[in-house]
Amino acid sequence: MVGMPASVVVTILLFAALRDRAGRDTCEITLPAGSTISAIWPALPAAIACDTAPAGVRYARNDEWADAETPVVAGDRIAVLLPVSGG
């Protein structure tokens, strides 16, 4: 498609264990245009990158709940929230 970028840059907001392991609370990643939120995992910093999402993870795209198949566009802010355990 003419005028469509080949890739997009999104900001990932990290919380809890992901933030601790990455050593920061945000990162910017580049994804192919047309990607969904599920594509973020291999593109994350090496300390937290993985092939697929951990079980029970939740997402918010631009401050609204989203699922893993939500498309991302340049400039999106994707919050990644792992499940919380405790009693």
PDB file of N, CA and C in Angstrom:
ATOM      1  N   MET A   1       0.849  -1.180   0.000  1.00  0.00           N
ATOM      2  CA  MET A   1       0.000   0.000   0.000  1.00  0.00           C
ATOM      3  C   MET A   1       0.893   1.240   0.000  1.00  0.00           C
ATOM      4  N   VAL A   2       0.613   2.181  -0.876  1.00  0.00           N
ATOM      5  CA  VAL A   2       1.409   3.383  -0.992  1.00  0.00           C
ATOM      6  C   VAL A   2       1.243   4.251   0.252  1.00  0.00           C
ATOM      7  N   GLY A   3       2.357   4.739   0.773  1.00  0.00           N
ATOM      8  CA  GLY A   3       2.324   5.633   1.915  1.00  0.00           C
ATOM      9  C   GLY A   3       2.277   4.945   3.269  1.00  0.00           C
ATOM     10  N   MET A   4       2.144   3.628   3.306  1.00  0.00           N
ATOM     11  CA  MET A   4       2.119   2.908   4.574  1.00  0.00           C
ATOM     12  C   MET A   4       3.551   2.645   5.021  1.00  0.00           C
ATOM     13  N   PRO A   5       3.876   2.996   6.272  1.00  0.00           N
ATOM     14  CA  PRO A   5       5.245   2.768   6.736  1.00  0.00           C
ATOM     15  C   PRO A   5       5.539   1.274   6.865  1.00  0.00           C
ATOM     16  N   ALA A   6       6.804   0.916   6.750  1.00  0.00           N
ATOM     17  CA  ALA A   6       7.198  -0.483   6.892  1.00  0.00           C
ATOM     18  C   ALA A   6       7.228  -0.918   8.343  1.00  0.00           C
ATOM     19  N   SER A   7       7.398   0.059   9.235  1.00  0.00           N
ATOM     20  CA  SER A   7       7.464  -0.270  10.663  1.00  0.00           C
ATOM     21  C   SER A   7       6.872   0.871  11.481  1.00  0.00           C
ATOM     22  N   VAL A   8       6.571   0.563  12.738  1.00  0.00           N
ATOM     23  CA  VAL A   8       6.028   1.552  13.664  1.00  0.00           C
ATOM     24  C   VAL A   8       6.808   1.470  14.975  1.00  0.00           C
ATOM     25  N   VAL A   9       6.927   2.595  15.646  1.00  0.00           N
ATOM     26  CA  VAL A   9       7.576   2.644  16.957  1.00  0.00           C
ATOM     27  C   VAL A   9       6.491   2.869  18.000  1.00  0.00           C
ATOM     28  N   VAL A  10       6.489   2.007  19.026  1.00  0.00           N
ATOM     29  CA  VAL A  10       5.527   2.116  20.120  1.00  0.00           C
ATOM     30  C   VAL A  10       6.285   2.154  21.439  1.00  0.00           C
ATOM     31  N   THR A  11       5.669   2.754  22.440  1.00  0.00           N
ATOM     32  CA  THR A  11       6.246   2.813  23.779  1.00  0.00           C
ATOM     33  C   THR A  11       5.587   1.744  24.631  1.00  0.00           C
ATOM     34  N   ILE A  12       6.407   0.969  25.314  1.00  0.00           N
ATOM     35  CA  ILE A  12       5.917  -0.085  26.194  1.00  0.00           C
ATOM     36  C   ILE A  12       6.106   0.383  27.635  1.00  0.00           C
ATOM     37  N   LEU A  13       5.029   0.324  28.413  1.00  0.00           N
ATOM     38  CA  LEU A  13       5.076   0.674  29.830  1.00  0.00           C
ATOM     39  C   LEU A  13       5.176  -0.631  30.614  1.00  0.00           C
ATOM     40  N   LEU A  14       6.205  -0.746  31.430  1.00  0.00           N
ATOM     41  CA  LEU A  14       6.475  -1.978  32.167  1.00  0.00           C
ATOM     42  C   LEU A  14       6.168  -1.792  33.641  1.00  0.00           C
ATOM     43  N   PHE A  15       5.595  -2.818  34.247  1.00  0.00           N
ATOM     44  CA  PHE A  15       5.232  -2.763  35.659  1.00  0.00           C
ATOM     45  C   PHE A  15       5.745  -4.002  36.378  1.00  0.00           C
ATOM     46  N   ALA A  16       5.882  -3.887  37.686  1.00  0.00           N
ATOM     47  CA  ALA A  16       6.190  -4.998  38.593  1.00  0.00           C
ATOM     48  C   ALA A  16       7.445  -5.758  38.149  1.00  0.00           C
ATOM     49  N   ALA A  17       7.333  -7.084  38.026  1.00  0.00           N
ATOM     50  CA  ALA A  17       8.495  -7.924  37.724  1.00  0.00           C
ATOM     51  C   ALA A  17       9.134  -7.577  36.383  1.00  0.00           C
ATOM     52  N   LEU A  18       8.335  -7.213  35.388  1.00  0.00           N
ATOM     53  CA  LEU A  18       8.913  -6.834  34.097  1.00  0.00           C
ATOM     54  C   LEU A  18       9.778  -5.589  34.249  1.00  0.00           C
ATOM     55  N   ARG A  19       9.292  -4.611  34.982  1.00  0.00           N
ATOM     56  CA  ARG A  19      10.069  -3.393  35.225  1.00  0.00           C
ATOM     57  C   ARG A  19      11.355  -3.726  35.970  1.00  0.00           C
ATOM     58  N   ASP A  20      11.248  -4.571  36.977  1.00  0.00           N
ATOM     59  CA  ASP A  20      12.430  -4.940  37.761  1.00  0.00           C
ATOM     60  C   ASP A  20      13.473  -5.651  36.899  1.00  0.00           C
ATOM     61  N   ARG A  21      13.034  -6.602  36.097  1.00  0.00           N
ATOM     62  CA  ARG A  21      13.978  -7.351  35.256  1.00  0.00           C
ATOM     63  C   ARG A  21      14.580  -6.493  34.154  1.00  0.00           C
ATOM     64  N   ALA A  22      13.788  -5.576  33.588  1.00  0.00           N
ATOM     65  CA  ALA A  22      14.293  -4.711  32.519  1.00  0.00           C
ATOM     66  C   ALA A  22      15.155  -3.569  33.059  1.00  0.00           C
ATOM     67  N   GLY A  23      14.959  -3.227  34.334  1.00  0.00           N
ATOM     68  CA  GLY A  23      15.714  -2.128  34.917  1.00  0.00           C
ATOM     69  C   GLY A  23      15.220  -0.758  34.506  1.00  0.00           C
ATOM     70  N   ARG A  24      14.009  -0.701  34.004  1.00  0.00           N
ATOM     71  CA  ARG A  24      13.391   0.576  33.599  1.00  0.00           C
ATOM     72  C   ARG A  24      11.893   0.394  33.494  1.00  0.00           C
ATOM     73  N   ASP A  25      11.170   1.506  33.441  1.00  0.00           N
ATOM     74  CA  ASP A  25       9.714   1.383  33.397  1.00  0.00           C
ATOM     75  C   ASP A  25       9.113   1.627  32.018  1.00  0.00           C
ATOM     76  N   THR A  26       9.914   2.038  31.062  1.00  0.00           N
ATOM     77  CA  THR A  26       9.431   2.176  29.684  1.00  0.00           C
ATOM     78  C   THR A  26      10.528   1.769  28.709  1.00  0.00           C
ATOM     79  N   CYS A  27      10.102   1.416  27.526  1.00  0.00           N
ATOM     80  CA  CYS A  27      11.042   1.197  26.429  1.00  0.00           C
ATOM     81  C   CYS A  27      10.303   1.457  25.126  1.00  0.00           C
ATOM     82  N   GLU A  28      11.049   1.805  24.110  1.00  0.00           N
ATOM     83  CA  GLU A  28      10.477   1.961  22.780  1.00  0.00           C
ATOM     84  C   GLU A  28      10.921   0.777  21.940  1.00  0.00           C
ATOM     85  N   ILE A  29       9.984   0.216  21.200  1.00  0.00           N
ATOM     86  CA  ILE A  29      10.312  -0.896  20.312  1.00  0.00           C
ATOM     87  C   ILE A  29       9.776  -0.597  18.918  1.00  0.00           C
ATOM     88  N   THR A  30      10.382  -1.232  17.945  1.00  0.00           N
ATOM     89  CA  THR A  30       9.953  -1.097  16.556  1.00  0.00           C
ATOM     90  C   THR A  30       9.335  -2.416  16.114  1.00  0.00           C
ATOM     91  N   LEU A  31       8.153  -2.322  15.546  1.00  0.00           N
ATOM     92  CA  LEU A  31       7.417  -3.483  15.057  1.00  0.00           C
ATOM     93  C   LEU A  31       7.079  -3.284  13.583  1.00  0.00           C
ATOM     94  N   PRO A  32       6.889  -4.374  12.846  1.00  0.00           N
ATOM     95  CA  PRO A  32       6.420  -4.232  11.470  1.00  0.00           C
ATOM     96  C   PRO A  32       5.030  -3.578  11.448  1.00  0.00           C
ATOM     97  N   ALA A  33       4.785  -2.746  10.470  1.00  0.00           N
ATOM     98  CA  ALA A  33       3.461  -2.141  10.315  1.00  0.00           C
ATOM     99  C   ALA A  33       2.421  -3.245  10.215  1.00  0.00           C
ATOM    100  N   GLY A  34       1.271  -3.025  10.834  1.00  0.00           N
ATOM    101  CA  GLY A  34       0.200  -4.007  10.819  1.00  0.00           C
ATOM    102  C   GLY A  34       0.275  -5.019  11.952  1.00  0.00           C
ATOM    103  N   SER A  35       1.256  -4.861  12.851  1.00  0.00           N
ATOM    104  CA  SER A  35       1.402  -5.787  13.982  1.00  0.00           C
ATOM    105  C   SER A  35       0.287  -5.603  14.991  1.00  0.00           C
ATOM    106  N   THR A  36       0.091  -6.642  15.787  1.00  0.00           N
ATOM    107  CA  THR A  36      -0.833  -6.573  16.912  1.00  0.00           C
ATOM    108  C   THR A  36      -0.016  -6.530  18.202  1.00  0.00           C
ATOM    109  N   ILE A  37      -0.702  -6.289  19.304  1.00  0.00           N
ATOM    110  CA  ILE A  37      -0.016  -6.211  20.593  1.00  0.00           C
ATOM    111  C   ILE A  37       0.777  -7.489  20.878  1.00  0.00           C
ATOM    112  N   SER A  38       0.282  -8.633  20.460  1.00  0.00           N
ATOM    113  CA  SER A  38       0.985  -9.889  20.744  1.00  0.00           C
ATOM    114  C   SER A  38       2.392  -9.929  20.156  1.00  0.00           C
ATOM    115  N   ALA A  39       2.682  -9.086  19.183  1.00  0.00           N
ATOM    116  CA  ALA A  39       4.000  -9.067  18.534  1.00  0.00           C
ATOM    117  C   ALA A  39       5.067  -8.368  19.362  1.00  0.00           C
ATOM    118  N   ILE A  40       4.694  -7.774  20.487  1.00  0.00           N
ATOM    119  CA  ILE A  40       5.694  -7.018  21.260  1.00  0.00           C
ATOM    120  C   ILE A  40       6.732  -7.913  21.910  1.00  0.00           C
ATOM    121  N   TRP A  41       6.362  -9.129  22.302  1.00  0.00           N
ATOM    122  CA  TRP A  41       7.223  -9.946  23.166  1.00  0.00           C
ATOM    123  C   TRP A  41       8.616 -10.197  22.626  1.00  0.00           C
ATOM    124  N   PRO A  42       8.809 -10.637  21.394  1.00  0.00           N
ATOM    125  CA  PRO A  42      10.177 -10.851  20.909  1.00  0.00           C
ATOM    126  C   PRO A  42      10.964  -9.547  20.730  1.00  0.00           C
ATOM    127  N   ALA A  43      10.270  -8.415  20.630  1.00  0.00           N
ATOM    128  CA  ALA A  43      10.927  -7.130  20.396  1.00  0.00           C
ATOM    129  C   ALA A  43      11.315  -6.397  21.677  1.00  0.00           C
ATOM    130  N   LEU A  44      10.920  -6.932  22.830  1.00  0.00           N
ATOM    131  CA  LEU A  44      11.241  -6.291  24.108  1.00  0.00           C
ATOM    132  C   LEU A  44      12.731  -6.418  24.411  1.00  0.00           C
ATOM    133  N   PRO A  45      13.242  -5.617  25.366  1.00  0.00           N
ATOM    134  CA  PRO A  45      14.658  -5.741  25.738  1.00  0.00           C
ATOM    135  C   PRO A  45      15.003  -7.186  26.116  1.00  0.00           C
ATOM    136  N   ALA A  46      16.229  -7.583  25.883  1.00  0.00           N
ATOM    137  CA  ALA A  46      16.663  -8.969  26.060  1.00  0.00           C
ATOM    138  C   ALA A  46      16.296  -9.553  27.425  1.00  0.00           C
ATOM    139  N   ALA A  47      16.347  -8.766  28.478  1.00  0.00           N
ATOM    140  CA  ALA A  47      16.070  -9.274  29.830  1.00  0.00           C
ATOM    141  C   ALA A  47      14.635  -9.755  30.006  1.00  0.00           C
ATOM    142  N   ILE A  48      13.728  -9.313  29.147  1.00  0.00           N
ATOM    143  CA  ILE A  48      12.313  -9.689  29.299  1.00  0.00           C
ATOM    144  C   ILE A  48      11.684 -10.226  28.017  1.00  0.00           C
ATOM    145  N   ALA A  49      12.439 -10.275  26.938  1.00  0.00           N
ATOM    146  CA  ALA A  49      11.895 -10.759  25.661  1.00  0.00           C
ATOM    147  C   ALA A  49      11.559 -12.242  25.753  1.00  0.00           C
ATOM    148  N   CYS A  50      10.519 -12.641  25.053  1.00  0.00           N
ATOM    149  CA  CYS A  50      10.154 -14.052  24.938  1.00  0.00           C
ATOM    150  C   CYS A  50       9.314 -14.214  23.670  1.00  0.00           C
ATOM    151  N   ASP A  51       9.115 -15.453  23.269  1.00  0.00           N
ATOM    152  CA  ASP A  51       8.378 -15.712  22.034  1.00  0.00           C
ATOM    153  C   ASP A  51       6.893 -15.406  22.156  1.00  0.00           C
ATOM    154  N   THR A  52       6.324 -15.694  23.316  1.00  0.00           N
ATOM    155  CA  THR A  52       4.892 -15.478  23.521  1.00  0.00           C
ATOM    156  C   THR A  52       4.652 -14.860  24.894  1.00  0.00           C
ATOM    157  N   ALA A  53       3.496 -14.309  25.063  1.00  0.00           N
ATOM    158  CA  ALA A  53       3.136 -13.649  26.320  1.00  0.00           C
ATOM    159  C   ALA A  53       2.999 -14.643  27.463  1.00  0.00           C
ATOM    160  N   PRO A  54       3.379 -14.227  28.668  1.00  0.00           N
ATOM    161  CA  PRO A  54       3.123 -15.071  29.836  1.00  0.00           C
ATOM    162  C   PRO A  54       1.615 -15.235  30.050  1.00  0.00           C
ATOM    163  N   ALA A  55       1.237 -16.328  30.679  1.00  0.00           N
ATOM    164  CA  ALA A  55      -0.182 -16.577  30.962  1.00  0.00           C
ATOM    165  C   ALA A  55      -0.751 -15.479  31.846  1.00  0.00           C
ATOM    166  N   GLY A  56      -1.952 -15.039  31.525  1.00  0.00           N
ATOM    167  CA  GLY A  56      -2.658 -14.083  32.356  1.00  0.00           C
ATOM    168  C   GLY A  56      -2.277 -12.625  32.172  1.00  0.00           C
ATOM    169  N   VAL A  57      -1.384 -12.328  31.235  1.00  0.00           N
ATOM    170  CA  VAL A  57      -0.971 -10.937  31.030  1.00  0.00           C
ATOM    171  C   VAL A  57      -2.153 -10.122  30.512  1.00  0.00           C
ATOM    172  N   ARG A  58      -2.197  -8.854  30.896  1.00  0.00           N
ATOM    173  CA  ARG A  58      -3.238  -7.933  30.401  1.00  0.00           C
ATOM    174  C   ARG A  58      -2.541  -6.747  29.763  1.00  0.00           C
ATOM    175  N   TYR A  59      -3.275  -6.059  28.878  1.00  0.00           N
ATOM    176  CA  TYR A  59      -2.722  -4.927  28.153  1.00  0.00           C
ATOM    177  C   TYR A  59      -3.676  -3.741  28.212  1.00  0.00           C
ATOM    178  N   ALA A  60      -3.095  -2.564  28.120  1.00  0.00           N
ATOM    179  CA  ALA A  60      -3.869  -1.351  27.874  1.00  0.00           C
ATOM    180  C   ALA A  60      -3.165  -0.620  26.733  1.00  0.00           C
ATOM    181  N   ARG A  61      -3.932  -0.211  25.745  1.00  0.00           N
ATOM    182  CA  ARG A  61      -3.400   0.555  24.615  1.00  0.00           C
ATOM    183  C   ARG A  61      -3.935   1.974  24.740  1.00  0.00           C
ATOM    184  N   ASN A  62      -3.037   2.915  24.909  1.00  0.00           N
ATOM    185  CA  ASN A  62      -3.419   4.331  25.046  1.00  0.00           C
ATOM    186  C   ASN A  62      -4.483   4.512  26.136  1.00  0.00           C
ATOM    187  N   ASP A  63      -4.223   3.879  27.296  1.00  0.00           N
ATOM    188  CA  ASP A  63      -5.055   4.007  28.500  1.00  0.00           C
ATOM    189  C   ASP A  63      -6.425   3.337  28.408  1.00  0.00           C
ATOM    190  N   GLU A  64      -6.610   2.415  27.459  1.00  0.00           N
ATOM    191  CA  GLU A  64      -7.853   1.656  27.369  1.00  0.00           C
ATOM    192  C   GLU A  64      -7.507   0.179  27.280  1.00  0.00           C
ATOM    193  N   TRP A  65      -8.231  -0.671  28.014  1.00  0.00           N
ATOM    194  CA  TRP A  65      -7.970  -2.101  27.976  1.00  0.00           C
ATOM    195  C   TRP A  65      -8.009  -2.590  26.542  1.00  0.00           C
ATOM    196  N   ALA A  66      -7.094  -3.520  26.242  1.00  0.00           N
ATOM    197  CA  ALA A  66      -7.005  -4.075  24.892  1.00  0.00           C
ATOM    198  C   ALA A  66      -6.631  -5.548  24.997  1.00  0.00           C
ATOM    199  N   ASP A  67      -6.903  -6.292  23.931  1.00  0.00           N
ATOM    200  CA  ASP A  67      -6.474  -7.688  23.940  1.00  0.00           C
ATOM    201  C   ASP A  67      -5.255  -7.847  23.038  1.00  0.00           C
ATOM    202  N   ALA A  68      -4.696  -9.042  23.041  1.00  0.00           N
ATOM    203  CA  ALA A  68      -3.445  -9.305  22.329  1.00  0.00           C
ATOM    204  C   ALA A  68      -3.570  -9.113  20.818  1.00  0.00           C
ATOM    205  N   GLU A  69      -4.774  -9.197  20.285  1.00  0.00           N
ATOM    206  CA  GLU A  69      -4.960  -9.064  18.836  1.00  0.00           C
ATOM    207  C   GLU A  69      -5.312  -7.640  18.398  1.00  0.00           C
ATOM    208  N   THR A  70      -5.240  -6.695  19.307  1.00  0.00           N
ATOM    209  CA  THR A  70      -5.482  -5.296  18.965  1.00  0.00           C
ATOM    210  C   THR A  70      -4.329  -4.772  18.115  1.00  0.00           C
ATOM    211  N   PRO A  71      -4.614  -4.172  16.958  1.00  0.00           N
ATOM    212  CA  PRO A  71      -3.547  -3.611  16.131  1.00  0.00           C
ATOM    213  C   PRO A  71      -2.854  -2.438  16.828  1.00  0.00           C
ATOM    214  N   VAL A  72      -1.571  -2.269  16.536  1.00  0.00           N
ATOM    215  CA  VAL A  72      -0.832  -1.122  17.056  1.00  0.00           C
ATOM    216  C   VAL A  72      -0.480  -0.193  15.905  1.00  0.00           C
ATOM    217  N   VAL A  73      -0.396   1.086  16.223  1.00  0.00           N
ATOM    218  CA  VAL A  73       0.020   2.088  15.251  1.00  0.00           C
ATOM    219  C   VAL A  73       1.125   2.933  15.878  1.00  0.00           C
ATOM    220  N   ALA A  74       1.855   3.636  15.044  1.00  0.00           N
ATOM    221  CA  ALA A  74       2.962   4.462  15.512  1.00  0.00           C
ATOM    222  C   ALA A  74       2.501   5.394  16.624  1.00  0.00           C
ATOM    223  N   GLY A  75       3.300   5.470  17.675  1.00  0.00           N
ATOM    224  CA  GLY A  75       3.011   6.375  18.776  1.00  0.00           C
ATOM    225  C   GLY A  75       2.169   5.776  19.883  1.00  0.00           C
ATOM    226  N   ASP A  76       1.661   4.550  19.700  1.00  0.00           N
ATOM    227  CA  ASP A  76       0.865   3.920  20.760  1.00  0.00           C
ATOM    228  C   ASP A  76       1.696   3.747  22.029  1.00  0.00           C
ATOM    229  N   ARG A  77       0.986   3.765  23.161  1.00  0.00           N
ATOM    230  CA  ARG A  77       1.563   3.437  24.468  1.00  0.00           C
ATOM    231  C   ARG A  77       0.868   2.166  24.931  1.00  0.00           C
ATOM    232  N   ILE A  78       1.652   1.104  25.077  1.00  0.00           N
ATOM    233  CA  ILE A  78       1.113  -0.200  25.447  1.00  0.00           C
ATOM    234  C   ILE A  78       1.574  -0.523  26.866  1.00  0.00           C
ATOM    235  N   ALA A  79       0.634  -0.601  27.797  1.00  0.00           N
ATOM    236  CA  ALA A  79       0.953  -1.008  29.167  1.00  0.00           C
ATOM    237  C   ALA A  79       0.839  -2.523  29.238  1.00  0.00           C
ATOM    238  N   VAL A  80       1.847  -3.147  29.864  1.00  0.00           N
ATOM    239  CA  VAL A  80       1.887  -4.596  30.017  1.00  0.00           C
ATOM    240  C   VAL A  80       1.786  -4.897  31.505  1.00  0.00           C
ATOM    241  N   LEU A  81       0.721  -5.608  31.883  1.00  0.00           N
ATOM    242  CA  LEU A  81       0.478  -5.905  33.301  1.00  0.00           C
ATOM    243  C   LEU A  81       0.421  -7.408  33.525  1.00  0.00           C
ATOM    244  N   LEU A  82       1.366  -7.895  34.303  1.00  0.00           N
ATOM    245  CA  LEU A  82       1.367  -9.312  34.653  1.00  0.00           C
ATOM    246  C   LEU A  82       0.355  -9.557  35.750  1.00  0.00           C
ATOM    247  N   PRO A  83      -0.135 -10.797  35.854  1.00  0.00           N
ATOM    248  CA  PRO A  83      -1.072 -11.099  36.943  1.00  0.00           C
ATOM    249  C   PRO A  83      -0.387 -10.916  38.302  1.00  0.00           C
ATOM    250  N   VAL A  84      -1.163 -10.536  39.277  1.00  0.00           N
ATOM    251  CA  VAL A  84      -0.661 -10.318  40.630  1.00  0.00           C
ATOM    252  C   VAL A  84      -1.125 -11.458  41.502  1.00  0.00           C
ATOM    253  N   SER A  85      -0.222 -11.987  42.306  1.00  0.00           N
ATOM    254  CA  SER A  85      -0.629 -13.040  43.214  1.00  0.00           C
ATOM    255  C   SER A  85      -0.456 -12.538  44.654  1.00  0.00           C
ATOM    256  N   GLY A  86      -1.068 -13.199  45.535  1.00  0.00           N
ATOM    257  CA  GLY A  86      -0.957 -12.816  46.937  1.00  0.00           C
ATOM    258  C   GLY A  86      -2.220 -13.213  47.679  1.00  0.00           C
ATOM    259  N   GLY A  87      -2.226 -12.897  48.919  1.00  0.00           N
ATOM    260  CA  GLY A  87      -3.390 -13.310  49.667  1.00  0.00           C
ATOM    261  C   GLY A  87      -3.704 -12.383  50.798  1.00  0.00           C
TER     262      GLY A  87
END
